[in-house]
């Protein structure tokens, strides 16, 4: 099998761990090639020029060659300054990385989602980090084929901003009858705000978080995210 060679592709580092004495195993998300597993040989040596570059939330240009499941890292260059995050926004960024690792198959490019990830990193450092994270979650679900129906009920009627609904994750929202029955409680206003990307109201934001958490949990097959637990602990302390 002939090795595939990629030169200076836009990418982000999602995860890294030590491998053997001087190397690392990387999980990389490339804009044009999807999620890639790479061996970074010798990168743990003190004099390695790549050591300081291989950091999360930093736009990179990466080269690699790949014949099997794992490729070999080549050149690495900076493509811009890292996004500086602290506290809950930092954990939110790690949460995004964990979602991508869990939900994206390898070598399956999602260009629009990659661009949304870059925008969300910047937004996490801004005034509305929670809203930006919810919008990333909805785009992630759509990109992997599990988009939520936010504008119409399960029976095909337009969602009413003044109506309360129960959201069936398999069929969509239906009018709530005293909030009884299966489904995630959510207001029509929150559904429409999520659809339009205008999560300015605290109540709508809370409802969107509850709905998206349930949808993501369904596709994570019940496997808890490590970062979710840390974010809940931070929320309890704040």
C-alpha atoms as a PDB file:
ATOM      1  CA  UNK A   1       0.000   0.000   0.000  1.00  0.00           C
ATOM      2  CA  UNK A   2       1.388   3.373  -0.999  1.00  0.00           C
ATOM      3  CA  UNK A   3       1.718   5.892   1.826  1.00  0.00           C
ATOM      4  CA  UNK A   4      -0.448   9.004   1.671  1.00  0.00           C
ATOM      5  CA  UNK A   5       1.549  12.202   2.149  1.00  0.00           C
ATOM      6  CA  UNK A   6      -0.073  15.379   3.375  1.00  0.00           C
ATOM      7  CA  UNK A   7       1.789  18.691   3.466  1.00  0.00           C
ATOM      8  CA  UNK A   8       1.006  21.511   5.922  1.00  0.00           C
ATOM      9  CA  UNK A   9      -2.710  20.900   6.346  1.00  0.00           C
ATOM     10  CA  UNK A  10      -4.709  23.122   8.739  1.00  0.00           C
ATOM     11  CA  UNK A  11      -5.298  21.170  11.942  1.00  0.00           C
ATOM     12  CA  UNK A  12      -5.848  21.253  15.697  1.00  0.00           C
ATOM     13  CA  UNK A  13      -4.421  18.901  18.304  1.00  0.00           C
ATOM     14  CA  UNK A  14      -7.249  17.168  20.177  1.00  0.00           C
ATOM     15  CA  UNK A  15      -5.293  14.853  22.478  1.00  0.00           C
ATOM     16  CA  UNK A  16      -1.796  13.549  23.110  1.00  0.00           C
ATOM     17  CA  UNK A  17      -0.193  10.944  25.318  1.00  0.00           C
ATOM     18  CA  UNK A  18       3.306   9.632  25.898  1.00  0.00           C
ATOM     19  CA  UNK A  19       4.482   6.723  23.750  1.00  0.00           C
ATOM     20  CA  UNK A  20       7.709   4.852  24.322  1.00  0.00           C
ATOM     21  CA  UNK A  21      10.609   6.861  25.694  1.00  0.00           C
ATOM     22  CA  UNK A  22      10.683  10.007  23.564  1.00  0.00           C
ATOM     23  CA  UNK A  23       7.536  10.022  21.407  1.00  0.00           C
ATOM     24  CA  UNK A  24       3.827  10.777  21.634  1.00  0.00           C
ATOM     25  CA  UNK A  25       0.623   9.466  20.131  1.00  0.00           C
ATOM     26  CA  UNK A  26      -1.505  12.312  18.807  1.00  0.00           C
ATOM     27  CA  UNK A  27      -5.159  12.656  17.927  1.00  0.00           C
ATOM     28  CA  UNK A  28      -5.345  15.443  15.367  1.00  0.00           C
ATOM     29  CA  UNK A  29      -8.347  17.043  13.700  1.00  0.00           C
ATOM     30  CA  UNK A  30      -7.538  18.207  10.195  1.00  0.00           C
ATOM     31  CA  UNK A  31      -9.826  20.537   8.300  1.00  0.00           C
ATOM     32  CA  UNK A  32      -9.572  18.589   5.039  1.00  0.00           C
ATOM     33  CA  UNK A  33      -8.754  15.067   6.226  1.00  0.00           C
ATOM     34  CA  UNK A  34     -10.806  14.599   9.387  1.00  0.00           C
ATOM     35  CA  UNK A  35      -9.581  13.039  12.608  1.00  0.00           C
ATOM     36  CA  UNK A  36      -6.154  11.450  12.264  1.00  0.00           C
ATOM     37  CA  UNK A  37      -3.998   9.344  14.593  1.00  0.00           C
ATOM     38  CA  UNK A  38      -0.306  10.236  14.353  1.00  0.00           C
ATOM     39  CA  UNK A  39       2.960   9.145  15.927  1.00  0.00           C
ATOM     40  CA  UNK A  40       5.156  12.120  16.837  1.00  0.00           C
ATOM     41  CA  UNK A  41       8.599  10.561  17.094  1.00  0.00           C
ATOM     42  CA  UNK A  42      11.164  12.160  19.380  1.00  0.00           C
ATOM     43  CA  UNK A  43       8.852  15.024  20.293  1.00  0.00           C
ATOM     44  CA  UNK A  44       9.417  14.562  24.044  1.00  0.00           C
ATOM     45  CA  UNK A  45      13.114  15.300  23.725  1.00  0.00           C
ATOM     46  CA  UNK A  46      14.019  18.695  25.260  1.00  0.00           C
ATOM     47  CA  UNK A  47      15.504  19.934  22.001  1.00  0.00           C
ATOM     48  CA  UNK A  48      12.551  18.937  19.823  1.00  0.00           C
ATOM     49  CA  UNK A  49      11.375  21.988  17.807  1.00  0.00           C
ATOM     50  CA  UNK A  50       7.823  20.581  17.734  1.00  0.00           C
ATOM     51  CA  UNK A  51       7.461  20.216  21.470  1.00  0.00           C
ATOM     52  CA  UNK A  52       6.234  23.744  22.185  1.00  0.00           C
ATOM     53  CA  UNK A  53       4.000  23.861  19.103  1.00  0.00           C
ATOM     54  CA  UNK A  54       1.951  20.770  19.896  1.00  0.00           C
ATOM     55  CA  UNK A  55      -0.574  22.402  22.210  1.00  0.00           C
ATOM     56  CA  UNK A  56      -4.381  22.262  22.189  1.00  0.00           C
ATOM     57  CA  UNK A  57      -6.461  25.196  20.929  1.00  0.00           C
ATOM     58  CA  UNK A  58      -3.640  26.411  18.698  1.00  0.00           C
ATOM     59  CA  UNK A  59      -4.191  26.563  14.918  1.00  0.00           C
ATOM     60  CA  UNK A  60      -1.457  24.511  13.265  1.00  0.00           C
ATOM     61  CA  UNK A  61      -0.191  23.458   9.862  1.00  0.00           C
ATOM     62  CA  UNK A  62       0.790  19.799   9.992  1.00  0.00           C
ATOM     63  CA  UNK A  63       2.448  17.368   7.587  1.00  0.00           C
ATOM     64  CA  UNK A  64       2.283  13.587   7.847  1.00  0.00           C
ATOM     65  CA  UNK A  65       2.612  10.352   5.949  1.00  0.00           C
ATOM     66  CA  UNK A  66       0.171   7.529   6.487  1.00  0.00           C
ATOM     67  CA  UNK A  67      -0.085   3.968   5.272  1.00  0.00           C
ATOM     68  CA  UNK A  68      -2.190   2.260   7.969  1.00  0.00           C
ATOM     69  CA  UNK A  69      -4.360   3.411  10.844  1.00  0.00           C
ATOM     70  CA  UNK A  70      -1.599   5.542  12.371  1.00  0.00           C
ATOM     71  CA  UNK A  71       0.485   8.034  10.428  1.00  0.00           C
ATOM     72  CA  UNK A  72       3.861   9.578  11.147  1.00  0.00           C
ATOM     73  CA  UNK A  73       4.041  13.263  11.943  1.00  0.00           C
ATOM     74  CA  UNK A  74       6.336  15.384   9.786  1.00  0.00           C
ATOM     75  CA  UNK A  75       6.639  19.156   9.881  1.00  0.00           C
ATOM     76  CA  UNK A  76       4.566  21.328  12.223  1.00  0.00           C
ATOM     77  CA  UNK A  77       4.116  25.081  11.915  1.00  0.00           C
ATOM     78  CA  UNK A  78       2.034  27.609  13.780  1.00  0.00           C
ATOM     79  CA  UNK A  79      -0.943  28.979  11.837  1.00  0.00           C
ATOM     80  CA  UNK A  80      -1.828  31.627  14.397  1.00  0.00           C
ATOM     81  CA  UNK A  81      -1.742  32.440  18.105  1.00  0.00           C
ATOM     82  CA  UNK A  82      -3.288  30.025  20.615  1.00  0.00           C
ATOM     83  CA  UNK A  83      -6.643  30.844  22.136  1.00  0.00           C
ATOM     84  CA  UNK A  84      -6.045  31.769  25.781  1.00  0.00           C
ATOM     85  CA  UNK A  85      -8.762  30.320  28.008  1.00  0.00           C
ATOM     86  CA  UNK A  86      -9.126  29.892  31.763  1.00  0.00           C
ATOM     87  CA  UNK A  87     -11.592  28.312  34.165  1.00  0.00           C
ATOM     88  CA  UNK A  88     -14.930  27.158  32.780  1.00  0.00           C
ATOM     89  CA  UNK A  89     -14.253  28.348  29.192  1.00  0.00           C
ATOM     90  CA  UNK A  90     -11.068  26.258  29.210  1.00  0.00           C
ATOM     91  CA  UNK A  91     -12.969  23.181  30.382  1.00  0.00           C
ATOM     92  CA  UNK A  92     -15.613  23.890  27.720  1.00  0.00           C
ATOM     93  CA  UNK A  93     -12.876  23.775  25.070  1.00  0.00           C
ATOM     94  CA  UNK A  94     -11.604  20.447  26.414  1.00  0.00           C
ATOM     95  CA  UNK A  95     -15.234  19.268  26.391  1.00  0.00           C
ATOM     96  CA  UNK A  96     -15.470  20.088  22.676  1.00  0.00           C
ATOM     97  CA  UNK A  97     -12.291  18.088  22.048  1.00  0.00           C
ATOM     98  CA  UNK A  98     -13.689  15.114  23.937  1.00  0.00           C
ATOM     99  CA  UNK A  99     -16.937  15.240  21.969  1.00  0.00           C
ATOM    100  CA  UNK A 100     -15.003  15.226  18.693  1.00  0.00           C
ATOM    101  CA  UNK A 101     -12.878  12.288  19.818  1.00  0.00           C
ATOM    102  CA  UNK A 102     -15.948  10.299  20.830  1.00  0.00           C
ATOM    103  CA  UNK A 103     -18.296  11.129  17.969  1.00  0.00           C
ATOM    104  CA  UNK A 104     -16.191  11.676  14.841  1.00  0.00           C
ATOM    105  CA  UNK A 105     -14.848   8.634  12.985  1.00  0.00           C
ATOM    106  CA  UNK A 106     -11.316   8.847  11.696  1.00  0.00           C
ATOM    107  CA  UNK A 107     -10.582  10.244   8.249  1.00  0.00           C
ATOM    108  CA  UNK A 108     -14.044  11.759   7.820  1.00  0.00           C
ATOM    109  CA  UNK A 109     -13.704  15.468   7.062  1.00  0.00           C
ATOM    110  CA  UNK A 110     -16.284  18.001   8.294  1.00  0.00           C
ATOM    111  CA  UNK A 111     -15.066  21.314   6.959  1.00  0.00           C
ATOM    112  CA  UNK A 112     -17.955  23.466   8.195  1.00  0.00           C
ATOM    113  CA  UNK A 113     -17.750  21.896  11.662  1.00  0.00           C
ATOM    114  CA  UNK A 114     -14.000  22.492  11.736  1.00  0.00           C
ATOM    115  CA  UNK A 115     -14.592  26.163  10.967  1.00  0.00           C
ATOM    116  CA  UNK A 116     -17.305  26.306  13.640  1.00  0.00           C
ATOM    117  CA  UNK A 117     -14.852  24.808  16.137  1.00  0.00           C
ATOM    118  CA  UNK A 118     -12.325  27.557  15.392  1.00  0.00           C
ATOM    119  CA  UNK A 119     -15.014  30.239  15.788  1.00  0.00           C
ATOM    120  CA  UNK A 120     -16.265  28.692  19.023  1.00  0.00           C
ATOM    121  CA  UNK A 121     -12.789  28.676  20.548  1.00  0.00           C
ATOM    122  CA  UNK A 122     -12.635  32.420  19.987  1.00  0.00           C
ATOM    123  CA  UNK A 123     -16.187  32.879  21.279  1.00  0.00           C
ATOM    124  CA  UNK A 124     -15.384  30.983  24.492  1.00  0.00           C
ATOM    125  CA  UNK A 125     -12.994  33.813  25.333  1.00  0.00           C
ATOM    126  CA  UNK A 126     -15.798  36.348  24.804  1.00  0.00           C
ATOM    127  CA  UNK A 127     -18.942  37.460  26.631  1.00  0.00           C
ATOM    128  CA  UNK A 128     -21.280  34.559  25.734  1.00  0.00           C
ATOM    129  CA  UNK A 129     -19.282  31.329  26.086  1.00  0.00           C
ATOM    130  CA  UNK A 130     -22.251  29.157  27.089  1.00  0.00           C
ATOM    131  CA  UNK A 131     -24.367  30.193  24.093  1.00  0.00           C
ATOM    132  CA  UNK A 132     -21.496  29.585  21.681  1.00  0.00           C
ATOM    133  CA  UNK A 133     -20.973  26.104  23.138  1.00  0.00           C
ATOM    134  CA  UNK A 134     -24.645  25.206  22.654  1.00  0.00           C
ATOM    135  CA  UNK A 135     -24.484  26.305  19.010  1.00  0.00           C
ATOM    136  CA  UNK A 136     -21.387  24.161  18.469  1.00  0.00           C
ATOM    137  CA  UNK A 137     -23.213  21.163  19.942  1.00  0.00           C
ATOM    138  CA  UNK A 138     -26.166  21.606  17.594  1.00  0.00           C
ATOM    139  CA  UNK A 139     -23.844  21.829  14.579  1.00  0.00           C
ATOM    140  CA  UNK A 140     -21.919  18.762  15.716  1.00  0.00           C
ATOM    141  CA  UNK A 141     -25.123  16.725  15.921  1.00  0.00           C
ATOM    142  CA  UNK A 142     -26.138  17.924  12.458  1.00  0.00           C
ATOM    143  CA  UNK A 143     -22.699  17.122  10.999  1.00  0.00           C
ATOM    144  CA  UNK A 144     -22.796  13.498  12.163  1.00  0.00           C
ATOM    145  CA  UNK A 145     -26.324  12.977  10.824  1.00  0.00           C
ATOM    146  CA  UNK A 146     -28.363  13.471  13.995  1.00  0.00           C
ATOM    147  CA  UNK A 147     -29.599  17.025  13.618  1.00  0.00           C
ATOM    148  CA  UNK A 148     -32.518  18.128  15.784  1.00  0.00           C
ATOM    149  CA  UNK A 149     -35.838  19.260  14.347  1.00  0.00           C
ATOM    150  CA  UNK A 150     -36.293  22.671  15.938  1.00  0.00           C
ATOM    151  CA  UNK A 151     -38.843  24.450  13.743  1.00  0.00           C
ATOM    152  CA  UNK A 152     -41.590  21.854  13.323  1.00  0.00           C
ATOM    153  CA  UNK A 153     -43.401  19.451  15.623  1.00  0.00           C
ATOM    154  CA  UNK A 154     -43.396  15.702  15.135  1.00  0.00           C
ATOM    155  CA  UNK A 155     -46.778  16.100  13.390  1.00  0.00           C
ATOM    156  CA  UNK A 156     -45.464  18.717  10.933  1.00  0.00           C
ATOM    157  CA  UNK A 157     -46.839  21.897  12.505  1.00  0.00           C
ATOM    158  CA  UNK A 158     -44.729  25.007  13.033  1.00  0.00           C
ATOM    159  CA  UNK A 159     -43.272  25.359  16.509  1.00  0.00           C
ATOM    160  CA  UNK A 160     -45.094  28.075  18.479  1.00  0.00           C
ATOM    161  CA  UNK A 161     -42.891  30.312  20.649  1.00  0.00           C
ATOM    162  CA  UNK A 162     -45.639  30.493  23.278  1.00  0.00           C
ATOM    163  CA  UNK A 163     -46.179  26.735  23.528  1.00  0.00           C
ATOM    164  CA  UNK A 164     -44.457  24.219  25.822  1.00  0.00           C
ATOM    165  CA  UNK A 165     -43.232  20.982  24.260  1.00  0.00           C
ATOM    166  CA  UNK A 166     -41.836  17.574  25.073  1.00  0.00           C
ATOM    167  CA  UNK A 167     -38.966  16.748  22.745  1.00  0.00           C
ATOM    168  CA  UNK A 168     -38.859  13.113  21.633  1.00  0.00           C
ATOM    169  CA  UNK A 169     -35.282  12.536  20.479  1.00  0.00           C
ATOM    170  CA  UNK A 170     -36.492  10.095  17.818  1.00  0.00           C
ATOM    171  CA  UNK A 171     -39.401  12.138  16.462  1.00  0.00           C
ATOM    172  CA  UNK A 172     -39.050  15.780  17.490  1.00  0.00           C
ATOM    173  CA  UNK A 173     -41.161  18.096  19.663  1.00  0.00           C
ATOM    174  CA  UNK A 174     -44.823  17.582  20.455  1.00  0.00           C
ATOM    175  CA  UNK A 175     -47.121  19.844  22.486  1.00  0.00           C
ATOM    176  CA  UNK A 176     -46.849  19.129  26.197  1.00  0.00           C
ATOM    177  CA  UNK A 177     -50.011  18.025  27.935  1.00  0.00           C
ATOM    178  CA  UNK A 178     -49.276  19.053  31.497  1.00  0.00           C
ATOM    179  CA  UNK A 179     -45.633  17.997  30.840  1.00  0.00           C
ATOM    180  CA  UNK A 180     -46.637  14.351  31.072  1.00  0.00           C
ATOM    181  CA  UNK A 181     -45.153  11.610  28.965  1.00  0.00           C
ATOM    182  CA  UNK A 182     -41.702  10.842  27.578  1.00  0.00           C
ATOM    183  CA  UNK A 183     -39.477  13.573  26.189  1.00  0.00           C
ATOM    184  CA  UNK A 184     -37.327  16.496  27.235  1.00  0.00           C
ATOM    185  CA  UNK A 185     -39.356  19.520  28.454  1.00  0.00           C
ATOM    186  CA  UNK A 186     -38.558  22.576  26.355  1.00  0.00           C
ATOM    187  CA  UNK A 187     -40.362  25.762  25.417  1.00  0.00           C
ATOM    188  CA  UNK A 188     -41.137  26.692  21.844  1.00  0.00           C
ATOM    189  CA  UNK A 189     -39.240  29.925  22.383  1.00  0.00           C
ATOM    190  CA  UNK A 190     -36.093  28.011  23.319  1.00  0.00           C
ATOM    191  CA  UNK A 191     -36.403  25.750  20.267  1.00  0.00           C
ATOM    192  CA  UNK A 192     -36.732  28.732  17.936  1.00  0.00           C
ATOM    193  CA  UNK A 193     -33.879  30.576  19.648  1.00  0.00           C
ATOM    194  CA  UNK A 194     -31.650  27.536  19.197  1.00  0.00           C
ATOM    195  CA  UNK A 195     -32.694  27.233  15.554  1.00  0.00           C
ATOM    196  CA  UNK A 196     -31.869  30.879  14.868  1.00  0.00           C
ATOM    197  CA  UNK A 197     -28.665  30.902  16.921  1.00  0.00           C
ATOM    198  CA  UNK A 198     -29.912  33.681  19.230  1.00  0.00           C
ATOM    199  CA  UNK A 199     -29.643  32.224  22.727  1.00  0.00           C
ATOM    200  CA  UNK A 200     -29.784  35.547  24.572  1.00  0.00           C
ATOM    201  CA  UNK A 201     -32.278  34.603  27.296  1.00  0.00           C
ATOM    202  CA  UNK A 202     -31.010  32.712  30.362  1.00  0.00           C
ATOM    203  CA  UNK A 203     -34.081  30.474  30.444  1.00  0.00           C
ATOM    204  CA  UNK A 204     -33.758  29.562  26.765  1.00  0.00           C
ATOM    205  CA  UNK A 205     -30.070  28.834  27.279  1.00  0.00           C
ATOM    206  CA  UNK A 206     -30.795  26.507  30.193  1.00  0.00           C
ATOM    207  CA  UNK A 207     -33.479  24.656  28.210  1.00  0.00           C
ATOM    208  CA  UNK A 208     -31.167  24.309  25.204  1.00  0.00           C
ATOM    209  CA  UNK A 209     -28.427  22.890  27.423  1.00  0.00           C
ATOM    210  CA  UNK A 210     -30.822  20.282  28.848  1.00  0.00           C
ATOM    211  CA  UNK A 211     -32.059  19.253  25.397  1.00  0.00           C
ATOM    212  CA  UNK A 212     -28.610  19.014  23.827  1.00  0.00           C
ATOM    213  CA  UNK A 213     -27.211  17.097  26.794  1.00  0.00           C
ATOM    214  CA  UNK A 214     -29.929  14.480  26.318  1.00  0.00           C
ATOM    215  CA  UNK A 215     -29.324  14.278  22.554  1.00  0.00           C
ATOM    216  CA  UNK A 216     -25.565  13.911  22.944  1.00  0.00           C
ATOM    217  CA  UNK A 217     -25.932  11.312  25.698  1.00  0.00           C
ATOM    218  CA  UNK A 218     -28.023   9.202  23.335  1.00  0.00           C
ATOM    219  CA  UNK A 219     -25.218   9.084  20.760  1.00  0.00           C
ATOM    220  CA  UNK A 220     -22.481   8.575  23.345  1.00  0.00           C
ATOM    221  CA  UNK A 221     -24.100   5.238  24.229  1.00  0.00           C
ATOM    222  CA  UNK A 222     -24.247   6.108  27.892  1.00  0.00           C
ATOM    223  CA  UNK A 223     -20.489   6.675  28.242  1.00  0.00           C
ATOM    224  CA  UNK A 224     -19.952   9.691  30.483  1.00  0.00           C
ATOM    225  CA  UNK A 225     -17.591  12.423  29.341  1.00  0.00           C
ATOM    226  CA  UNK A 226     -14.743  13.164  31.760  1.00  0.00           C
ATOM    227  CA  UNK A 227     -14.951  16.885  31.102  1.00  0.00           C
ATOM    228  CA  UNK A 228     -18.684  16.994  31.863  1.00  0.00           C
ATOM    229  CA  UNK A 229     -18.035  15.960  35.450  1.00  0.00           C
ATOM    230  CA  UNK A 230     -15.376  18.628  35.874  1.00  0.00           C
ATOM    231  CA  UNK A 231     -17.665  21.307  34.415  1.00  0.00           C
ATOM    232  CA  UNK A 232     -20.475  20.338  36.806  1.00  0.00           C
ATOM    233  CA  UNK A 233     -18.050  20.565  39.748  1.00  0.00           C
ATOM    234  CA  UNK A 234     -16.953  24.030  38.635  1.00  0.00           C
ATOM    235  CA  UNK A 235     -20.580  25.121  38.296  1.00  0.00           C
ATOM    236  CA  UNK A 236     -21.342  24.007  41.864  1.00  0.00           C
ATOM    237  CA  UNK A 237     -18.415  26.058  43.196  1.00  0.00           C
ATOM    238  CA  UNK A 238     -19.317  29.229  41.329  1.00  0.00           C
END
